[in-house]
Amino acid sequence: MLLSVVLDVVGDFSSVAKLGAAIGAGLAAIGAGIGVGRIGGSAMEAIARQPESVGDIQTNMIVSAALIEGVALFAVVVCALVVFQ
């Protein structure tokens, strides 16, 4: 209902697409920051509980953070493609 009203008011969809892309890029950056922060916090708790497994925990933490950052980068690139097309 609301979407159809907005689309009726806006004749040119490029401004709406750019607004959506900007919101999407912001949400991707915020989501990546939250995800990496939670990984770091959980890793510190795990290291505090089992200090002898620091190497394994750090390795898993770095791999998980890299995957999250990769997904966020893809999201920002898709949003940038929407803006510049």
N, C-alpha and C. Protein backbone atom coordinates (compact mmCIF):
# COMPACT_ATOMS: atom_id res chain seq x y z
N MET A 1 0.82 -1.19 0.00
CA MET A 1 0.00 0.00 0.00
C MET A 1 0.87 1.26 0.00
N LEU A 2 1.74 1.37 1.00
CA LEU A 2 2.59 2.56 1.08
C LEU A 2 3.55 2.63 -0.10
N LEU A 3 4.08 1.48 -0.51
CA LEU A 3 5.00 1.48 -1.64
C LEU A 3 4.33 1.96 -2.91
N SER A 4 3.09 1.55 -3.14
CA SER A 4 2.39 2.00 -4.35
C SER A 4 2.13 3.51 -4.32
N VAL A 5 1.86 4.04 -3.14
CA VAL A 5 1.65 5.48 -3.01
C VAL A 5 2.95 6.23 -3.31
N VAL A 6 4.06 5.73 -2.76
CA VAL A 6 5.35 6.37 -3.00
C VAL A 6 5.71 6.29 -4.48
N LEU A 7 5.48 5.15 -5.10
CA LEU A 7 5.81 5.01 -6.52
C LEU A 7 4.91 5.87 -7.40
N ASP A 8 3.67 6.12 -6.98
CA ASP A 8 2.81 7.01 -7.75
C ASP A 8 3.28 8.46 -7.65
N VAL A 9 3.75 8.85 -6.49
CA VAL A 9 4.20 10.23 -6.30
C VAL A 9 5.50 10.47 -7.05
N VAL A 10 6.41 9.51 -6.99
CA VAL A 10 7.72 9.67 -7.61
C VAL A 10 7.65 9.13 -9.03
N GLY A 11 7.80 10.01 -10.00
CA GLY A 11 7.76 9.58 -11.39
C GLY A 11 9.08 9.02 -11.85
N ASP A 12 10.18 9.57 -11.34
CA ASP A 12 11.52 9.12 -11.72
C ASP A 12 12.05 8.20 -10.64
N PHE A 13 12.36 6.97 -10.99
CA PHE A 13 12.77 5.98 -10.00
C PHE A 13 14.24 6.08 -9.62
N SER A 14 15.01 6.92 -10.31
CA SER A 14 16.44 6.97 -10.02
C SER A 14 16.72 7.55 -8.63
N SER A 15 15.93 8.52 -8.22
CA SER A 15 16.15 9.10 -6.89
C SER A 15 15.80 8.11 -5.79
N VAL A 16 14.75 7.34 -6.00
CA VAL A 16 14.36 6.32 -5.02
C VAL A 16 15.41 5.20 -4.98
N ALA A 17 15.94 4.85 -6.13
CA ALA A 17 16.97 3.81 -6.18
C ALA A 17 18.24 4.27 -5.48
N LYS A 18 18.59 5.54 -5.67
CA LYS A 18 19.79 6.06 -5.00
C LYS A 18 19.59 6.12 -3.49
N LEU A 19 18.41 6.49 -3.05
CA LEU A 19 18.13 6.51 -1.62
C LEU A 19 18.19 5.10 -1.05
N GLY A 20 17.62 4.15 -1.75
CA GLY A 20 17.67 2.75 -1.30
C GLY A 20 19.08 2.20 -1.27
N ALA A 21 19.87 2.59 -2.26
CA ALA A 21 21.26 2.13 -2.29
C ALA A 21 22.06 2.73 -1.15
N ALA A 22 21.82 3.99 -0.84
CA ALA A 22 22.53 4.62 0.27
C ALA A 22 22.15 3.98 1.59
N ILE A 23 20.89 3.71 1.78
CA ILE A 23 20.44 3.03 3.01
C ILE A 23 21.02 1.63 3.08
N GLY A 24 21.04 0.94 1.95
CA GLY A 24 21.59 -0.42 1.92
C GLY A 24 23.07 -0.45 2.23
N ALA A 25 23.82 0.49 1.70
CA ALA A 25 25.26 0.54 1.98
C ALA A 25 25.51 0.85 3.45
N GLY A 26 24.73 1.74 4.01
CA GLY A 26 24.86 2.06 5.43
C GLY A 26 24.54 0.87 6.31
N LEU A 27 23.47 0.16 5.98
CA LEU A 27 23.11 -1.03 6.76
C LEU A 27 24.15 -2.12 6.65
N ALA A 28 24.75 -2.26 5.47
CA ALA A 28 25.80 -3.27 5.30
C ALA A 28 27.02 -2.93 6.16
N ALA A 29 27.39 -1.66 6.21
CA ALA A 29 28.54 -1.25 7.02
C ALA A 29 28.25 -1.42 8.51
N ILE A 30 27.05 -1.04 8.93
CA ILE A 30 26.67 -1.21 10.33
C ILE A 30 26.62 -2.69 10.71
N GLY A 31 26.05 -3.50 9.83
CA GLY A 31 25.97 -4.94 10.11
C GLY A 31 27.34 -5.58 10.21
N ALA A 32 28.25 -5.18 9.34
CA ALA A 32 29.61 -5.73 9.40
C ALA A 32 30.30 -5.31 10.68
N GLY A 33 30.12 -4.06 11.08
CA GLY A 33 30.73 -3.59 12.32
C GLY A 33 30.21 -4.34 13.53
N ILE A 34 28.92 -4.56 13.57
CA ILE A 34 28.33 -5.31 14.69
C ILE A 34 28.83 -6.75 14.68
N GLY A 35 28.88 -7.35 13.50
CA GLY A 35 29.34 -8.74 13.41
C GLY A 35 30.78 -8.93 13.84
N VAL A 36 31.66 -8.07 13.39
CA VAL A 36 33.07 -8.17 13.76
C VAL A 36 33.24 -7.87 15.24
N GLY A 37 32.48 -6.94 15.76
CA GLY A 37 32.54 -6.64 17.19
C GLY A 37 32.10 -7.81 18.05
N ARG A 38 31.06 -8.48 17.62
CA ARG A 38 30.60 -9.66 18.39
C ARG A 38 31.60 -10.79 18.30
N ILE A 39 32.23 -10.95 17.15
CA ILE A 39 33.26 -11.98 17.02
C ILE A 39 34.42 -11.69 17.95
N GLY A 40 34.86 -10.43 17.98
CA GLY A 40 35.97 -10.06 18.84
C GLY A 40 35.65 -10.25 20.31
N GLY A 41 34.46 -9.86 20.72
CA GLY A 41 34.05 -10.04 22.11
C GLY A 41 33.96 -11.49 22.50
N SER A 42 33.38 -12.29 21.63
CA SER A 42 33.28 -13.72 21.92
C SER A 42 34.64 -14.39 21.95
N ALA A 43 35.54 -13.95 21.09
CA ALA A 43 36.89 -14.52 21.09
C ALA A 43 37.62 -14.18 22.38
N MET A 44 37.45 -12.95 22.85
CA MET A 44 38.11 -12.57 24.11
C MET A 44 37.57 -13.38 25.29
N GLU A 45 36.26 -13.63 25.29
CA GLU A 45 35.68 -14.47 26.35
C GLU A 45 36.21 -15.89 26.26
N ALA A 46 36.32 -16.41 25.05
CA ALA A 46 36.82 -17.77 24.88
C ALA A 46 38.29 -17.89 25.30
N ILE A 47 39.08 -16.87 24.97
CA ILE A 47 40.50 -16.88 25.36
C ILE A 47 40.63 -16.77 26.88
N ALA A 48 39.74 -15.99 27.50
CA ALA A 48 39.79 -15.87 28.95
C ALA A 48 39.44 -17.20 29.63
N ARG A 49 38.56 -17.96 29.02
CA ARG A 49 38.18 -19.24 29.61
C ARG A 49 39.20 -20.33 29.36
N GLN A 50 39.80 -20.33 28.16
CA GLN A 50 40.78 -21.36 27.81
C GLN A 50 42.00 -20.69 27.18
N PRO A 51 42.92 -20.21 27.99
CA PRO A 51 44.09 -19.49 27.44
C PRO A 51 45.01 -20.37 26.61
N GLU A 52 44.96 -21.68 26.80
CA GLU A 52 45.86 -22.55 26.05
C GLU A 52 45.47 -22.70 24.58
N SER A 53 44.26 -22.31 24.22
CA SER A 53 43.82 -22.45 22.83
C SER A 53 43.73 -21.11 22.11
N VAL A 54 44.65 -20.22 22.41
CA VAL A 54 44.65 -18.88 21.81
C VAL A 54 44.83 -18.96 20.29
N GLY A 55 45.74 -19.78 19.83
CA GLY A 55 46.02 -19.87 18.39
C GLY A 55 44.82 -20.30 17.57
N ASP A 56 44.13 -21.33 18.04
CA ASP A 56 42.94 -21.81 17.32
C ASP A 56 41.83 -20.77 17.31
N ILE A 57 41.63 -20.12 18.45
CA ILE A 57 40.56 -19.13 18.54
C ILE A 57 40.86 -17.93 17.63
N GLN A 58 42.12 -17.48 17.63
CA GLN A 58 42.47 -16.34 16.79
C GLN A 58 42.33 -16.67 15.31
N THR A 59 42.72 -17.87 14.94
CA THR A 59 42.60 -18.27 13.53
C THR A 59 41.13 -18.28 13.10
N ASN A 60 40.28 -18.89 13.92
CA ASN A 60 38.86 -18.92 13.58
C ASN A 60 38.25 -17.53 13.58
N MET A 61 38.70 -16.68 14.49
CA MET A 61 38.19 -15.32 14.55
C MET A 61 38.56 -14.55 13.29
N ILE A 62 39.79 -14.67 12.83
CA ILE A 62 40.23 -13.94 11.64
C ILE A 62 39.50 -14.43 10.39
N VAL A 63 39.30 -15.73 10.28
CA VAL A 63 38.57 -16.27 9.13
C VAL A 63 37.13 -15.78 9.13
N SER A 64 36.48 -15.82 10.29
CA SER A 64 35.09 -15.36 10.37
C SER A 64 34.98 -13.87 10.08
N ALA A 65 35.89 -13.07 10.60
CA ALA A 65 35.86 -11.62 10.34
C ALA A 65 36.09 -11.33 8.85
N ALA A 66 36.97 -12.09 8.22
CA ALA A 66 37.22 -11.89 6.79
C ALA A 66 35.98 -12.22 5.96
N LEU A 67 35.27 -13.28 6.33
CA LEU A 67 34.04 -13.63 5.61
C LEU A 67 32.98 -12.55 5.78
N ILE A 68 32.84 -12.02 6.98
CA ILE A 68 31.87 -10.95 7.21
C ILE A 68 32.23 -9.71 6.41
N GLU A 69 33.49 -9.34 6.41
CA GLU A 69 33.92 -8.17 5.65
C GLU A 69 33.73 -8.38 4.15
N GLY A 70 33.93 -9.61 3.69
CA GLY A 70 33.70 -9.90 2.27
C GLY A 70 32.25 -9.72 1.87
N VAL A 71 31.34 -10.19 2.70
CA VAL A 71 29.91 -10.02 2.42
C VAL A 71 29.53 -8.55 2.44
N ALA A 72 30.08 -7.80 3.40
CA ALA A 72 29.79 -6.37 3.46
C ALA A 72 30.33 -5.65 2.23
N LEU A 73 31.49 -6.04 1.77
CA LEU A 73 32.06 -5.42 0.58
C LEU A 73 31.18 -5.69 -0.64
N PHE A 74 30.70 -6.92 -0.79
CA PHE A 74 29.80 -7.23 -1.90
C PHE A 74 28.53 -6.39 -1.82
N ALA A 75 28.00 -6.22 -0.62
CA ALA A 75 26.78 -5.41 -0.46
C ALA A 75 27.02 -3.97 -0.86
N VAL A 76 28.15 -3.40 -0.45
CA VAL A 76 28.46 -2.01 -0.79
C VAL A 76 28.69 -1.87 -2.30
N VAL A 77 29.32 -2.85 -2.92
CA VAL A 77 29.55 -2.80 -4.37
C VAL A 77 28.22 -2.86 -5.12
N VAL A 78 27.31 -3.71 -4.69
CA VAL A 78 25.99 -3.78 -5.33
C VAL A 78 25.25 -2.46 -5.18
N CYS A 79 25.33 -1.86 -4.00
CA CYS A 79 24.68 -0.56 -3.80
C CYS A 79 25.33 0.51 -4.68
N ALA A 80 26.64 0.46 -4.83
CA ALA A 80 27.32 1.42 -5.69
C ALA A 80 26.91 1.22 -7.15
N LEU A 81 26.72 -0.01 -7.56
CA LEU A 81 26.27 -0.26 -8.93
C LEU A 81 24.88 0.29 -9.17
N VAL A 82 24.02 0.22 -8.18
CA VAL A 82 22.68 0.79 -8.31
C VAL A 82 22.76 2.30 -8.45
N VAL A 83 23.64 2.93 -7.68
CA VAL A 83 23.75 4.38 -7.73
C VAL A 83 24.27 4.85 -9.08
N PHE A 84 25.27 4.17 -9.63
CA PHE A 84 25.92 4.64 -10.84
C PHE A 84 25.32 4.07 -12.13
N GLN A 85 24.23 3.37 -12.04
CA GLN A 85 23.61 2.86 -13.27
C GLN A 85 22.43 3.66 -13.68
